[in-house]
């Protein structure tokens, strides 16, 4: 009986939608000259609204359905709010009108698609790569909704160094990463799932005199550092932009990638650049936010350095 009931019910509603005499709402579907006009009562929209809400909230698009071609300008605000739950309606508006508003936990995240050639990482996924790419290109970086946007992947991340593969010494870092423009470093903190790192639009190098005991500052206008709670928790990242451009980077033969004075510091304690990093910490000095709650030293489980290249390069 149910098999017969639902098709008949759907057919009855379609007949009402095409009723030219009794209606108080019109919906135009399609584009000129192939426009189809549906006429309906508000109560029918109320009946169909759960389906419309599910379709909108799951971000599904179907060229053969009626949602992708609806002329929303012809729908009154009252009807629009009927179709959408009030909460979803407000979140959609806040998403575009108020970048500082905090999204709810019910918003679906962009799918972590498998896209070959973007990034080969043991530390981060495409969602984090997308957020870092937005920050590099200065797109939507102030919005708390940035992580809910469609994945933004204009770059490919060319792996230069992986600690677990190449070693954790400053000497190896400078051998593989010096004099290469535009790099991003991802560090997984040992004993936690925390991921920290930074973007350097300039180059890395040892100090001018490799045997010198003095450090050398590097300038970088668009450098930033960051932290994520873990690989899969990227809702509340900390993005910290350089405020002292003249001290954005620090070069020394006994250091790996160092941002600021000690805002993010990988260093060896002894005068031996072939030893593994044993002095790593973050202090809030040259960048606008601190990226860790503590200034205690940490150990590295693994770290990776990538060169940022446009995908058509």
Protein backbone atom coordinates (compact mmCIF):
# COMPACT_ATOMS: atom_id res chain seq x y z
CA UNK A 1 0.00 0.00 0.00
CA UNK A 2 2.83 2.43 0.88
CA UNK A 3 4.37 1.82 -2.55
CA UNK A 4 1.21 3.18 -4.14
CA UNK A 5 0.60 5.97 -1.63
CA UNK A 6 3.79 7.99 -2.04
CA UNK A 7 3.83 8.12 -5.86
CA UNK A 8 0.18 9.18 -5.80
CA UNK A 9 0.91 11.80 -3.15
CA UNK A 10 3.80 13.22 -5.17
CA UNK A 11 1.65 13.29 -8.28
CA UNK A 12 -1.09 15.16 -6.42
CA UNK A 13 1.39 17.81 -5.30
CA UNK A 14 2.75 18.21 -8.81
CA UNK A 15 -0.80 18.75 -10.06
CA UNK A 16 -1.36 21.44 -7.44
CA UNK A 17 1.93 23.12 -8.36
CA UNK A 18 0.77 23.39 -11.98
CA UNK A 19 -2.68 24.67 -11.05
CA UNK A 20 -3.09 28.01 -12.88
CA UNK A 21 -6.07 29.16 -10.85
CA UNK A 22 -5.37 28.67 -7.14
CA UNK A 23 -1.98 29.89 -6.00
CA UNK A 24 -0.31 32.71 -4.09
CA UNK A 25 3.36 32.04 -4.94
CA UNK A 26 5.19 31.67 -8.26
CA UNK A 27 8.64 30.17 -8.75
CA UNK A 28 10.47 30.60 -12.05
CA UNK A 29 12.91 27.82 -12.94
CA UNK A 30 15.45 27.83 -15.76
CA UNK A 31 16.84 30.51 -18.02
CA UNK A 32 15.35 32.32 -20.97
CA UNK A 33 13.94 31.16 -23.29
CA UNK A 34 13.42 27.89 -21.40
CA UNK A 35 11.67 29.18 -18.30
CA UNK A 36 9.11 27.09 -16.45
CA UNK A 37 6.77 28.73 -13.95
CA UNK A 38 5.47 26.80 -10.95
CA UNK A 39 2.55 28.12 -8.92
CA UNK A 40 1.98 27.04 -5.36
CA UNK A 41 0.47 27.79 -1.97
CA UNK A 42 2.66 28.74 0.98
CA UNK A 43 1.48 25.64 2.83
CA UNK A 44 2.99 23.42 0.13
CA UNK A 45 6.32 25.15 0.52
CA UNK A 46 6.07 24.45 4.23
CA UNK A 47 5.47 20.77 3.40
CA UNK A 48 8.44 20.60 1.02
CA UNK A 49 10.77 22.80 3.09
CA UNK A 50 12.50 19.92 4.96
CA UNK A 51 13.62 18.53 1.61
CA UNK A 52 14.80 21.94 0.45
CA UNK A 53 16.67 22.55 3.71
CA UNK A 54 18.45 19.22 3.47
CA UNK A 55 19.43 19.94 -0.11
CA UNK A 56 20.71 23.42 0.65
CA UNK A 57 22.58 22.46 3.82
CA UNK A 58 24.31 19.51 2.14
CA UNK A 59 25.39 21.84 -0.67
CA UNK A 60 24.25 19.43 -3.36
CA UNK A 61 23.75 20.76 -6.86
CA UNK A 62 21.74 19.07 -9.54
CA UNK A 63 21.28 20.67 -12.95
CA UNK A 64 18.11 18.64 -13.43
CA UNK A 65 16.50 19.72 -10.11
CA UNK A 66 14.67 22.97 -9.33
CA UNK A 67 17.17 24.52 -6.88
CA UNK A 68 20.16 25.54 -8.99
CA UNK A 69 18.04 27.62 -11.38
CA UNK A 70 15.54 29.19 -8.99
CA UNK A 71 15.45 32.96 -9.29
CA UNK A 72 15.84 33.75 -5.61
CA UNK A 73 15.19 37.42 -6.28
CA UNK A 74 11.57 36.49 -6.99
CA UNK A 75 11.14 34.87 -3.57
CA UNK A 76 10.15 37.13 -0.72
CA UNK A 77 12.19 37.15 2.53
CA UNK A 78 9.24 35.59 4.34
CA UNK A 79 9.13 32.61 1.96
CA UNK A 80 12.90 32.29 1.98
CA UNK A 81 12.84 31.93 5.77
CA UNK A 82 10.10 29.31 5.47
CA UNK A 83 12.28 27.25 3.14
CA UNK A 84 15.27 27.57 5.44
CA UNK A 85 15.34 27.05 9.16
CA UNK A 86 15.77 30.34 10.99
CA UNK A 87 19.15 29.23 12.36
CA UNK A 88 20.46 28.24 8.93
CA UNK A 89 19.06 31.45 7.44
CA UNK A 90 20.93 33.56 10.01
CA UNK A 91 24.14 31.58 9.59
CA UNK A 92 24.07 32.04 5.82
CA UNK A 93 23.70 35.80 6.25
CA UNK A 94 26.39 35.97 8.93
CA UNK A 95 28.73 33.93 6.77
CA UNK A 96 28.82 36.67 4.15
CA UNK A 97 27.89 39.83 6.07
CA UNK A 98 29.72 39.35 9.36
CA UNK A 99 33.15 37.69 9.05
CA UNK A 100 33.61 37.77 12.84
CA UNK A 101 30.54 35.68 13.60
CA UNK A 102 31.19 32.17 14.87
CA UNK A 103 29.60 29.31 12.89
CA UNK A 104 27.70 26.55 14.63
CA UNK A 105 29.03 23.02 14.92
CA UNK A 106 26.30 21.78 12.57
CA UNK A 107 27.78 23.27 9.40
CA UNK A 108 29.04 20.60 7.03
CA UNK A 109 32.71 20.89 6.14
CA UNK A 110 34.12 20.71 2.61
CA UNK A 111 34.96 17.18 1.63
CA UNK A 112 38.61 16.23 1.99
CA UNK A 113 38.90 15.08 -1.60
CA UNK A 114 41.85 13.12 -2.89
CA UNK A 115 43.55 15.36 -5.43
CA UNK A 116 46.79 14.04 -6.84
CA UNK A 117 49.73 16.38 -7.08
CA UNK A 118 48.62 18.97 -4.48
CA UNK A 119 50.54 17.89 -1.38
CA UNK A 120 52.37 14.79 -0.18
CA UNK A 121 52.28 15.25 3.58
CA UNK A 122 52.41 12.99 6.63
CA UNK A 123 51.39 15.90 8.86
CA UNK A 124 48.53 17.89 7.26
CA UNK A 125 45.56 17.26 4.98
CA UNK A 126 43.93 19.20 2.13
CA UNK A 127 41.73 21.21 4.50
CA UNK A 128 44.78 22.68 6.21
CA UNK A 129 46.54 23.14 2.87
CA UNK A 130 43.46 25.04 1.67
CA UNK A 131 43.44 27.37 4.70
CA UNK A 132 47.15 28.08 4.35
CA UNK A 133 46.64 28.76 0.63
CA UNK A 134 43.87 31.25 1.46
CA UNK A 135 46.19 33.01 3.87
CA UNK A 136 49.00 33.15 1.31
CA UNK A 137 46.63 34.69 -1.26
CA UNK A 138 44.93 36.84 1.41
CA UNK A 139 41.48 35.42 0.65
CA UNK A 140 38.81 35.34 3.35
CA UNK A 141 41.45 35.09 6.06
CA UNK A 142 39.56 37.13 8.67
CA UNK A 143 36.38 35.10 8.45
CA UNK A 144 35.67 32.46 11.07
CA UNK A 145 33.78 30.65 8.31
CA UNK A 146 36.90 30.24 6.13
CA UNK A 147 37.26 26.55 6.98
CA UNK A 148 33.71 25.86 5.72
CA UNK A 149 34.35 27.27 2.25
CA UNK A 150 35.02 25.17 -0.80
CA UNK A 151 38.60 23.88 -0.77
CA UNK A 152 40.93 26.54 -2.19
CA UNK A 153 43.85 24.80 -3.88
CA UNK A 154 45.59 27.05 -6.45
CA UNK A 155 49.04 25.82 -5.40
CA UNK A 156 50.98 22.61 -5.37
CA UNK A 157 53.23 21.96 -2.39
CA UNK A 158 56.62 20.64 -3.53
CA UNK A 159 58.24 18.63 -0.75
CA UNK A 160 61.79 19.79 -0.02
CA UNK A 161 62.42 18.15 3.34
CA UNK A 162 60.79 15.64 5.65
CA UNK A 163 62.50 15.14 8.99
CA UNK A 164 61.63 11.45 9.31
CA UNK A 165 63.12 10.89 5.86
CA UNK A 166 65.98 13.40 5.64
CA UNK A 167 66.93 14.14 9.24
CA UNK A 168 66.32 16.83 11.86
CA UNK A 169 69.54 18.82 11.78
CA UNK A 170 70.07 22.46 10.76
CA UNK A 171 72.75 21.30 8.34
CA UNK A 172 70.27 19.14 6.42
CA UNK A 173 67.67 21.93 6.47
CA UNK A 174 70.03 24.47 4.92
CA UNK A 175 71.29 21.96 2.36
CA UNK A 176 67.77 21.18 1.09
CA UNK A 177 65.91 24.45 1.65
CA UNK A 178 68.28 27.43 1.34
CA UNK A 179 67.81 30.01 -1.43
CA UNK A 180 64.38 28.69 -2.45
CA UNK A 181 61.60 31.26 -2.62
CA UNK A 182 58.20 30.85 -0.97
CA UNK A 183 58.21 27.95 1.48
CA UNK A 184 55.87 26.72 4.18
CA UNK A 185 56.96 24.66 7.19
CA UNK A 186 54.68 22.21 9.05
CA UNK A 187 55.81 20.86 12.44
CA UNK A 188 54.09 18.13 14.45
CA UNK A 189 54.80 18.57 18.15
CA UNK A 190 55.89 15.37 19.84
CA UNK A 191 53.53 13.96 22.47
CA UNK A 192 50.55 15.93 21.15
CA UNK A 193 48.56 16.21 17.94
CA UNK A 194 49.44 19.92 17.67
CA UNK A 195 50.63 21.27 14.32
CA UNK A 196 52.55 24.54 14.13
CA UNK A 197 54.49 26.21 11.34
CA UNK A 198 55.01 29.26 9.20
CA UNK A 199 55.08 30.71 5.71
CA UNK A 200 58.19 32.41 4.36
CA UNK A 201 57.64 34.33 1.08
CA UNK A 202 61.38 35.05 0.92
CA UNK A 203 64.28 32.56 1.19
CA UNK A 204 66.13 30.68 3.92
CA UNK A 205 69.89 30.85 4.29
CA UNK A 206 72.66 30.48 6.82
CA UNK A 207 74.14 33.68 8.23
CA UNK A 208 76.39 35.54 5.77
CA UNK A 209 79.41 33.92 7.37
CA UNK A 210 78.53 30.28 7.95
CA UNK A 211 81.04 30.03 10.80
CA UNK A 212 79.83 33.28 12.36
CA UNK A 213 78.40 33.22 15.88
CA UNK A 214 76.00 36.02 14.95
CA UNK A 215 72.55 35.72 13.50
CA UNK A 216 71.26 37.63 10.51
CA UNK A 217 67.76 39.05 10.16
CA UNK A 218 65.60 38.44 7.11
CA UNK A 219 62.85 40.78 5.92
CA UNK A 220 59.46 39.46 4.81
CA UNK A 221 56.32 41.55 4.49
CA UNK A 222 53.77 38.75 4.09
CA UNK A 223 55.20 36.12 6.41
CA UNK A 224 52.89 34.45 8.94
CA UNK A 225 52.99 31.65 11.50
CA UNK A 226 50.14 29.37 12.59
CA UNK A 227 48.95 26.55 14.80
CA UNK A 228 46.23 23.89 14.62
CA UNK A 229 45.03 21.69 17.45
CA UNK A 230 45.47 18.63 15.27
CA UNK A 231 45.28 17.40 11.69
CA UNK A 232 41.50 17.08 11.70
CA UNK A 233 40.63 20.01 13.98
CA UNK A 234 41.07 23.14 11.88
CA UNK A 235 38.00 25.12 13.02
CA UNK A 236 39.94 27.47 15.28
CA UNK A 237 43.41 27.92 13.81
CA UNK A 238 45.70 30.65 15.08
CA UNK A 239 47.10 32.74 12.23
CA UNK A 240 49.72 35.25 13.30
CA UNK A 241 51.02 37.83 10.81
CA UNK A 242 54.37 39.53 11.01
CA UNK A 243 54.31 42.94 12.65
CA UNK A 244 58.08 43.62 12.62
CA UNK A 245 58.90 43.15 8.95
CA UNK A 246 62.62 43.77 9.46
CA UNK A 247 62.76 40.88 11.96
CA UNK A 248 60.40 38.47 10.21
CA UNK A 249 63.04 35.75 9.79
CA UNK A 250 66.28 34.75 11.48
CA UNK A 251 69.22 33.07 9.73
CA UNK A 252 71.94 31.08 11.46
CA UNK A 253 73.86 27.93 10.60
CA UNK A 254 72.82 26.34 13.91
CA UNK A 255 69.11 27.08 13.37
CA UNK A 256 66.46 25.59 11.16
CA UNK A 257 63.46 27.70 10.14
CA UNK A 258 63.15 30.55 12.66
CA UNK A 259 60.31 33.10 12.43
CA UNK A 260 60.81 36.37 14.28
CA UNK A 261 63.23 36.51 17.15
CA UNK A 262 61.85 33.42 18.88
CA UNK A 263 58.18 33.40 17.73
CA UNK A 264 58.91 29.99 16.22
CA UNK A 265 62.39 28.69 16.79
CA UNK A 266 64.17 25.43 15.86
CA UNK A 267 67.73 25.40 17.20
CA UNK A 268 70.59 23.20 18.40
CA UNK A 269 72.15 23.76 21.79
CA UNK A 270 75.73 22.92 20.88
CA UNK A 271 77.95 24.39 18.19
CA UNK A 272 77.26 21.50 15.85
CA UNK A 273 74.84 21.97 12.96
CA UNK A 274 74.79 18.23 12.27
CA UNK A 275 73.00 17.46 15.56
CA UNK A 276 69.22 17.17 15.81
CA UNK A 277 67.17 20.12 17.05
CA UNK A 278 67.08 20.16 20.85
CA UNK A 279 65.96 23.75 21.58
CA UNK A 280 62.52 24.42 20.12
CA UNK A 281 60.07 26.95 21.54
CA UNK A 282 57.68 29.80 20.69
CA UNK A 283 57.77 33.27 22.25
CA UNK A 284 55.49 36.14 21.28
CA UNK A 285 57.71 38.91 19.93
CA UNK A 286 57.73 39.85 16.23
CA UNK A 287 54.33 38.48 15.11
CA UNK A 288 50.92 39.80 16.13
CA UNK A 289 49.71 36.70 18.04
CA UNK A 290 51.28 33.93 20.04
CA UNK A 291 50.63 30.55 18.46
CA UNK A 292 51.11 28.42 21.59
CA UNK A 293 49.73 28.81 25.10
CA UNK A 294 53.09 27.96 26.58
CA UNK A 295 56.66 29.08 25.97
CA UNK A 296 58.01 25.77 27.21
CA UNK A 297 60.35 23.89 24.96
CA UNK A 298 58.94 21.14 22.80
CA UNK A 299 60.29 18.21 20.79
CA UNK A 300 59.53 17.50 17.16
CA UNK A 301 57.82 14.29 16.08
CA UNK A 302 58.22 15.24 12.41
CA UNK A 303 58.47 18.32 10.24
CA UNK A 304 58.12 19.11 6.54
CA UNK A 305 59.16 22.03 4.35
CA UNK A 306 57.40 22.65 1.04
CA UNK A 307 57.97 25.10 -1.77
CA UNK A 308 54.74 26.82 -2.87
CA UNK A 309 54.19 26.72 -6.63
CA UNK A 310 51.21 27.63 -8.77
CA UNK A 311 49.66 24.49 -10.17
CA UNK A 312 50.27 25.52 -13.79
CA UNK A 313 54.01 25.96 -13.16
